[in-house]
Amino acid sequence: MKYRVIVEQDEDKVFVAECPALPGCISQGKTRQEALKNIKDAIKGYIESLKKHNEPVPPSIYEDMVEI
């Protein structure tokens, strides 16, 4: 599954990652790579919790890129 993730650096130089399709699914890291690894774990846990509680899981996204 693929989900869009937004990573931004905050005023304390910490990288904050969030998944807009999963409300409240936010993580962070000292580096961009660490934040991405942590949000991946957070997304997995979020989806496992949705399934455990018989809640609908938002669909995976499909994106294409074009170069001009």
PDB file of N, CA and C in Angstrom:
ATOM      1  N   MET A   1       0.839  -1.173   0.000  1.00  0.00           N
ATOM      2  CA  MET A   1       0.000   0.000   0.000  1.00  0.00           C
ATOM      3  C   MET A   1       0.890   1.244   0.000  1.00  0.00           C
ATOM      4  N   LYS A   2       0.375   2.297  -0.595  1.00  0.00           N
ATOM      5  CA  LYS A   2       1.108   3.559  -0.635  1.00  0.00           C
ATOM      6  C   LYS A   2       0.235   4.665  -0.066  1.00  0.00           C
ATOM      7  N   TYR A   3       0.840   5.503   0.768  1.00  0.00           N
ATOM      8  CA  TYR A   3       0.160   6.651   1.332  1.00  0.00           C
ATOM      9  C   TYR A   3       1.058   7.874   1.173  1.00  0.00           C
ATOM     10  N   ARG A   4       0.443   9.002   0.919  1.00  0.00           N
ATOM     11  CA  ARG A   4       1.185  10.252   0.808  1.00  0.00           C
ATOM     12  C   ARG A   4       1.641  10.664   2.202  1.00  0.00           C
ATOM     13  N   VAL A   5       2.890  11.087   2.302  1.00  0.00           N
ATOM     14  CA  VAL A   5       3.476  11.527   3.561  1.00  0.00           C
ATOM     15  C   VAL A   5       4.088  12.909   3.341  1.00  0.00           C
ATOM     16  N   ILE A   6       3.867  13.790   4.289  1.00  0.00           N
ATOM     17  CA  ILE A   6       4.449  15.131   4.242  1.00  0.00           C
ATOM     18  C   ILE A   6       5.503  15.216   5.342  1.00  0.00           C
ATOM     19  N   VAL A   7       6.704  15.653   4.974  1.00  0.00           N
ATOM     20  CA  VAL A   7       7.794  15.797   5.941  1.00  0.00           C
ATOM     21  C   VAL A   7       8.229  17.264   5.948  1.00  0.00           C
ATOM     22  N   GLU A   8       8.228  17.844   7.129  1.00  0.00           N
ATOM     23  CA  GLU A   8       8.669  19.233   7.294  1.00  0.00           C
ATOM     24  C   GLU A   8       9.603  19.317   8.490  1.00  0.00           C
ATOM     25  N   GLN A   9      10.548  20.249   8.405  1.00  0.00           N
ATOM     26  CA  GLN A   9      11.449  20.474   9.528  1.00  0.00           C
ATOM     27  C   GLN A   9      10.874  21.590  10.391  1.00  0.00           C
ATOM     28  N   ASP A  10      10.781  21.351  11.707  1.00  0.00           N
ATOM     29  CA  ASP A  10      10.206  22.361  12.584  1.00  0.00           C
ATOM     30  C   ASP A  10      11.271  23.341  13.067  1.00  0.00           C
ATOM     31  N   GLU A  11      10.860  24.269  13.924  1.00  0.00           N
ATOM     32  CA  GLU A  11      11.772  25.312  14.400  1.00  0.00           C
ATOM     33  C   GLU A  11      12.919  24.772  15.252  1.00  0.00           C
ATOM     34  N   ASP A  12      12.762  23.560  15.786  1.00  0.00           N
ATOM     35  CA  ASP A  12      13.814  22.924  16.581  1.00  0.00           C
ATOM     36  C   ASP A  12      14.701  22.013  15.736  1.00  0.00           C
ATOM     37  N   LYS A  13      14.536  22.087  14.403  1.00  0.00           N
ATOM     38  CA  LYS A  13      15.324  21.292  13.438  1.00  0.00           C
ATOM     39  C   LYS A  13      14.979  19.803  13.475  1.00  0.00           C
ATOM     40  N   VAL A  14      13.810  19.469  14.038  1.00  0.00           N
ATOM     41  CA  VAL A  14      13.319  18.090  14.053  1.00  0.00           C
ATOM     42  C   VAL A  14      12.444  17.898  12.820  1.00  0.00           C
ATOM     43  N   PHE A  15      12.566  16.750  12.169  1.00  0.00           N
ATOM     44  CA  PHE A  15      11.753  16.456  10.997  1.00  0.00           C
ATOM     45  C   PHE A  15      10.452  15.799  11.452  1.00  0.00           C
ATOM     46  N   VAL A  16       9.334  16.391  11.072  1.00  0.00           N
ATOM     47  CA  VAL A  16       8.009  15.907  11.457  1.00  0.00           C
ATOM     48  C   VAL A  16       7.338  15.345  10.207  1.00  0.00           C
ATOM     49  N   ALA A  17       6.860  14.109  10.303  1.00  0.00           N
ATOM     50  CA  ALA A  17       6.198  13.443   9.182  1.00  0.00           C
ATOM     51  C   ALA A  17       4.760  13.144   9.556  1.00  0.00           C
ATOM     52  N   GLU A  18       3.859  13.395   8.604  1.00  0.00           N
ATOM     53  CA  GLU A  18       2.456  13.063   8.848  1.00  0.00           C
ATOM     54  C   GLU A  18       1.841  12.465   7.594  1.00  0.00           C
ATOM     55  N   CYS A  19       0.800  11.675   7.821  1.00  0.00           N
ATOM     56  CA  CYS A  19       0.072  11.024   6.739  1.00  0.00           C
ATOM     57  C   CYS A  19      -1.336  11.608   6.715  1.00  0.00           C
ATOM     58  N   PRO A  20      -1.630  12.517   5.775  1.00  0.00           N
ATOM     59  CA  PRO A  20      -2.936  13.178   5.753  1.00  0.00           C
ATOM     60  C   PRO A  20      -4.132  12.231   5.639  1.00  0.00           C
ATOM     61  N   ALA A  21      -3.960  11.089   5.004  1.00  0.00           N
ATOM     62  CA  ALA A  21      -5.069  10.149   4.836  1.00  0.00           C
ATOM     63  C   ALA A  21      -5.440   9.446   6.140  1.00  0.00           C
ATOM     64  N   LEU A  22      -4.540   9.508   7.125  1.00  0.00           N
ATOM     65  CA  LEU A  22      -4.761   8.848   8.412  1.00  0.00           C
ATOM     66  C   LEU A  22      -4.697   9.913   9.506  1.00  0.00           C
ATOM     67  N   PRO A  23      -5.814  10.530   9.851  1.00  0.00           N
ATOM     68  CA  PRO A  23      -5.822  11.624  10.817  1.00  0.00           C
ATOM     69  C   PRO A  23      -5.115  11.281  12.126  1.00  0.00           C
ATOM     70  N   GLY A  24      -4.199  12.154  12.523  1.00  0.00           N
ATOM     71  CA  GLY A  24      -3.466  11.944  13.761  1.00  0.00           C
ATOM     72  C   GLY A  24      -2.247  11.057  13.629  1.00  0.00           C
ATOM     73  N   CYS A  25      -1.986  10.550  12.447  1.00  0.00           N
ATOM     74  CA  CYS A  25      -0.822   9.676  12.235  1.00  0.00           C
ATOM     75  C   CYS A  25       0.387  10.562  11.937  1.00  0.00           C
ATOM     76  N   ILE A  26       1.148  10.846  12.987  1.00  0.00           N
ATOM     77  CA  ILE A  26       2.286  11.753  12.912  1.00  0.00           C
ATOM     78  C   ILE A  26       3.470  11.108  13.621  1.00  0.00           C
ATOM     79  N   SER A  27       4.672  11.348  13.086  1.00  0.00           N
ATOM     80  CA  SER A  27       5.882  10.862  13.726  1.00  0.00           C
ATOM     81  C   SER A  27       6.973  11.888  13.482  1.00  0.00           C
ATOM     82  N   GLN A  28       8.162  11.618  13.974  1.00  0.00           N
ATOM     83  CA  GLN A  28       9.262  12.556  13.799  1.00  0.00           C
ATOM     84  C   GLN A  28      10.594  11.835  13.848  1.00  0.00           C
ATOM     85  N   GLY A  29      11.654  12.558  13.553  1.00  0.00           N
ATOM     86  CA  GLY A  29      12.989  12.008  13.610  1.00  0.00           C
ATOM     87  C   GLY A  29      14.022  13.117  13.549  1.00  0.00           C
ATOM     88  N   LYS A  30      15.250  12.784  13.923  1.00  0.00           N
ATOM     89  CA  LYS A  30      16.338  13.758  13.887  1.00  0.00           C
ATOM     90  C   LYS A  30      16.765  14.059  12.453  1.00  0.00           C
ATOM     91  N   THR A  31      16.528  13.093  11.549  1.00  0.00           N
ATOM     92  CA  THR A  31      16.837  13.266  10.135  1.00  0.00           C
ATOM     93  C   THR A  31      15.580  12.968   9.323  1.00  0.00           C
ATOM     94  N   ARG A  32      15.596  13.383   8.070  1.00  0.00           N
ATOM     95  CA  ARG A  32      14.471  13.100   7.183  1.00  0.00           C
ATOM     96  C   ARG A  32      14.279  11.587   7.053  1.00  0.00           C
ATOM     97  N   GLN A  33      15.372  10.855   6.904  1.00  0.00           N
ATOM     98  CA  GLN A  33      15.300   9.402   6.756  1.00  0.00           C
ATOM     99  C   GLN A  33      14.707   8.747   8.001  1.00  0.00           C
ATOM    100  N   GLU A  34      15.111   9.232   9.168  1.00  0.00           N
ATOM    101  CA  GLU A  34      14.576   8.681  10.415  1.00  0.00           C
ATOM    102  C   GLU A  34      13.081   8.979  10.531  1.00  0.00           C
ATOM    103  N   ALA A  35      12.671  10.180  10.154  1.00  0.00           N
ATOM    104  CA  ALA A  35      11.250  10.536  10.200  1.00  0.00           C
ATOM    105  C   ALA A  35      10.448   9.645   9.255  1.00  0.00           C
ATOM    106  N   LEU A  36      10.980   9.366   8.067  1.00  0.00           N
ATOM    107  CA  LEU A  36      10.286   8.495   7.119  1.00  0.00           C
ATOM    108  C   LEU A  36      10.179   7.069   7.644  1.00  0.00           C
ATOM    109  N   LYS A  37      11.241   6.575   8.258  1.00  0.00           N
ATOM    110  CA  LYS A  37      11.204   5.230   8.847  1.00  0.00           C
ATOM    111  C   LYS A  37      10.157   5.178   9.961  1.00  0.00           C
ATOM    112  N   ASN A  38      10.139   6.208  10.797  1.00  0.00           N
ATOM    113  CA  ASN A  38       9.205   6.233  11.926  1.00  0.00           C
ATOM    114  C   ASN A  38       7.753   6.365  11.473  1.00  0.00           C
ATOM    115  N   ILE A  39       7.492   7.172  10.443  1.00  0.00           N
ATOM    116  CA  ILE A  39       6.113   7.314   9.972  1.00  0.00           C
ATOM    117  C   ILE A  39       5.645   6.017   9.314  1.00  0.00           C
ATOM    118  N   LYS A  40       6.565   5.301   8.687  1.00  0.00           N
ATOM    119  CA  LYS A  40       6.199   4.005   8.099  1.00  0.00           C
ATOM    120  C   LYS A  40       5.723   3.055   9.200  1.00  0.00           C
ATOM    121  N   ASP A  41       6.445   3.017  10.308  1.00  0.00           N
ATOM    122  CA  ASP A  41       6.031   2.182  11.449  1.00  0.00           C
ATOM    123  C   ASP A  41       4.699   2.661  12.020  1.00  0.00           C
ATOM    124  N   ALA A  42       4.523   3.988  12.096  1.00  0.00           N
ATOM    125  CA  ALA A  42       3.281   4.546  12.625  1.00  0.00           C
ATOM    126  C   ALA A  42       2.097   4.190  11.727  1.00  0.00           C
ATOM    127  N   ILE A  43       2.298   4.255  10.414  1.00  0.00           N
ATOM    128  CA  ILE A  43       1.227   3.911   9.469  1.00  0.00           C
ATOM    129  C   ILE A  43       0.844   2.442   9.620  1.00  0.00           C
ATOM    130  N   LYS A  44       1.839   1.573   9.731  1.00  0.00           N
ATOM    131  CA  LYS A  44       1.555   0.143   9.913  1.00  0.00           C
ATOM    132  C   LYS A  44       0.718  -0.077  11.176  1.00  0.00           C
ATOM    133  N   GLY A  45       1.114   0.551  12.273  1.00  0.00           N
ATOM    134  CA  GLY A  45       0.375   0.408  13.528  1.00  0.00           C
ATOM    135  C   GLY A  45      -1.033   0.976  13.434  1.00  0.00           C
ATOM    136  N   TYR A  46      -1.179   2.096  12.759  1.00  0.00           N
ATOM    137  CA  TYR A  46      -2.485   2.738  12.582  1.00  0.00           C
ATOM    138  C   TYR A  46      -3.415   1.809  11.819  1.00  0.00           C
ATOM    139  N   ILE A  47      -2.919   1.244  10.721  1.00  0.00           N
ATOM    140  CA  ILE A  47      -3.742   0.347   9.896  1.00  0.00           C
ATOM    141  C   ILE A  47      -4.090  -0.923  10.663  1.00  0.00           C
ATOM    142  N   GLU A  48      -3.138  -1.470  11.417  1.00  0.00           N
ATOM    143  CA  GLU A  48      -3.425  -2.654  12.232  1.00  0.00           C
ATOM    144  C   GLU A  48      -4.539  -2.356  13.230  1.00  0.00           C
ATOM    145  N   SER A  49      -4.517  -1.167  13.834  1.00  0.00           N
ATOM    146  CA  SER A  49      -5.547  -0.780  14.790  1.00  0.00           C
ATOM    147  C   SER A  49      -6.913  -0.637  14.109  1.00  0.00           C
ATOM    148  N   LEU A  50      -6.927  -0.035  12.911  1.00  0.00           N
ATOM    149  CA  LEU A  50      -8.184   0.077  12.170  1.00  0.00           C
ATOM    150  C   LEU A  50      -8.781  -1.304  11.901  1.00  0.00           C
ATOM    151  N   LYS A  51      -7.942  -2.218  11.443  1.00  0.00           N
ATOM    152  CA  LYS A  51      -8.415  -3.577  11.139  1.00  0.00           C
ATOM    153  C   LYS A  51      -8.916  -4.279  12.401  1.00  0.00           C
ATOM    154  N   LYS A  52      -8.185  -4.122  13.495  1.00  0.00           N
ATOM    155  CA  LYS A  52      -8.559  -4.759  14.759  1.00  0.00           C
ATOM    156  C   LYS A  52      -9.934  -4.286  15.230  1.00  0.00           C
ATOM    157  N   HIS A  53     -10.246  -3.028  14.971  1.00  0.00           N
ATOM    158  CA  HIS A  53     -11.517  -2.452  15.412  1.00  0.00           C
ATOM    159  C   HIS A  53     -12.568  -2.432  14.307  1.00  0.00           C
ATOM    160  N   ASN A  54     -12.313  -3.206  13.250  1.00  0.00           N
ATOM    161  CA  ASN A  54     -13.235  -3.318  12.110  1.00  0.00           C
ATOM    162  C   ASN A  54     -13.605  -1.956  11.513  1.00  0.00           C
ATOM    163  N   GLU A  55     -12.633  -1.065  11.475  1.00  0.00           N
ATOM    164  CA  GLU A  55     -12.809   0.252  10.864  1.00  0.00           C
ATOM    165  C   GLU A  55     -12.309   0.184   9.420  1.00  0.00           C
ATOM    166  N   PRO A  56     -12.869   1.000   8.532  1.00  0.00           N
ATOM    167  CA  PRO A  56     -12.395   0.978   7.141  1.00  0.00           C
ATOM    168  C   PRO A  56     -10.975   1.525   7.019  1.00  0.00           C
ATOM    169  N   VAL A  57     -10.202   0.897   6.168  1.00  0.00           N
ATOM    170  CA  VAL A  57      -8.832   1.329   5.895  1.00  0.00           C
ATOM    171  C   VAL A  57      -8.857   2.193   4.638  1.00  0.00           C
ATOM    172  N   PRO A  58      -8.358   3.433   4.725  1.00  0.00           N
ATOM    173  CA  PRO A  58      -8.332   4.280   3.534  1.00  0.00           C
ATOM    174  C   PRO A  58      -7.571   3.600   2.400  1.00  0.00           C
ATOM    175  N   PRO A  59      -8.047   3.783   1.173  1.00  0.00           N
ATOM    176  CA  PRO A  59      -7.396   3.120   0.050  1.00  0.00           C
ATOM    177  C   PRO A  59      -5.993   3.664  -0.210  1.00  0.00           C
ATOM    178  N   SER A  60      -5.193   2.810  -0.775  1.00  0.00           N
ATOM    179  CA  SER A  60      -3.851   3.178  -1.197  1.00  0.00           C
ATOM    180  C   SER A  60      -3.957   4.204  -2.324  1.00  0.00           C
ATOM    181  N   ILE A  61      -2.944   5.052  -2.460  1.00  0.00           N
ATOM    182  CA  ILE A  61      -2.952   6.030  -3.544  1.00  0.00           C
ATOM    183  C   ILE A  61      -2.154   5.502  -4.726  1.00  0.00           C
ATOM    184  N   TYR A  62      -2.480   6.012  -5.871  1.00  0.00           N
ATOM    185  CA  TYR A  62      -1.735   5.696  -7.084  1.00  0.00           C
ATOM    186  C   TYR A  62      -1.394   7.019  -7.736  1.00  0.00           C
ATOM    187  N   GLU A  63      -0.129   7.250  -7.945  1.00  0.00           N
ATOM    188  CA  GLU A  63       0.323   8.497  -8.545  1.00  0.00           C
ATOM    189  C   GLU A  63       1.210   8.194  -9.735  1.00  0.00           C
ATOM    190  N   ASP A  64       1.148   9.082 -10.673  1.00  0.00           N
ATOM    191  CA  ASP A  64       2.061   9.048 -11.801  1.00  0.00           C
ATOM    192  C   ASP A  64       2.774  10.385 -11.852  1.00  0.00           C
ATOM    193  N   MET A  65       3.958  10.372 -12.362  1.00  0.00           N
ATOM    194  CA  MET A  65       4.708  11.592 -12.520  1.00  0.00           C
ATOM    195  C   MET A  65       5.001  11.776 -14.003  1.00  0.00           C
ATOM    196  N   VAL A  66       4.907  13.020 -14.440  1.00  0.00           N
ATOM    197  CA  VAL A  66       5.282  13.337 -15.814  1.00  0.00           C
ATOM    198  C   VAL A  66       6.373  14.392 -15.767  1.00  0.00           C
ATOM    199  N   GLU A  67       7.300  14.258 -16.633  1.00  0.00           N
ATOM    200  CA  GLU A  67       8.379  15.221 -16.720  1.00  0.00           C
ATOM    201  C   GLU A  67       8.177  16.066 -17.959  1.00  0.00           C
ATOM    202  N   ILE A  68       8.295  17.370 -17.798  1.00  0.00           N
ATOM    203  CA  ILE A  68       8.124  18.247 -18.958  1.00  0.00           C
ATOM    204  C   ILE A  68       9.351  19.116 -19.156  1.00  0.00           C
TER     205      ILE A  68
END
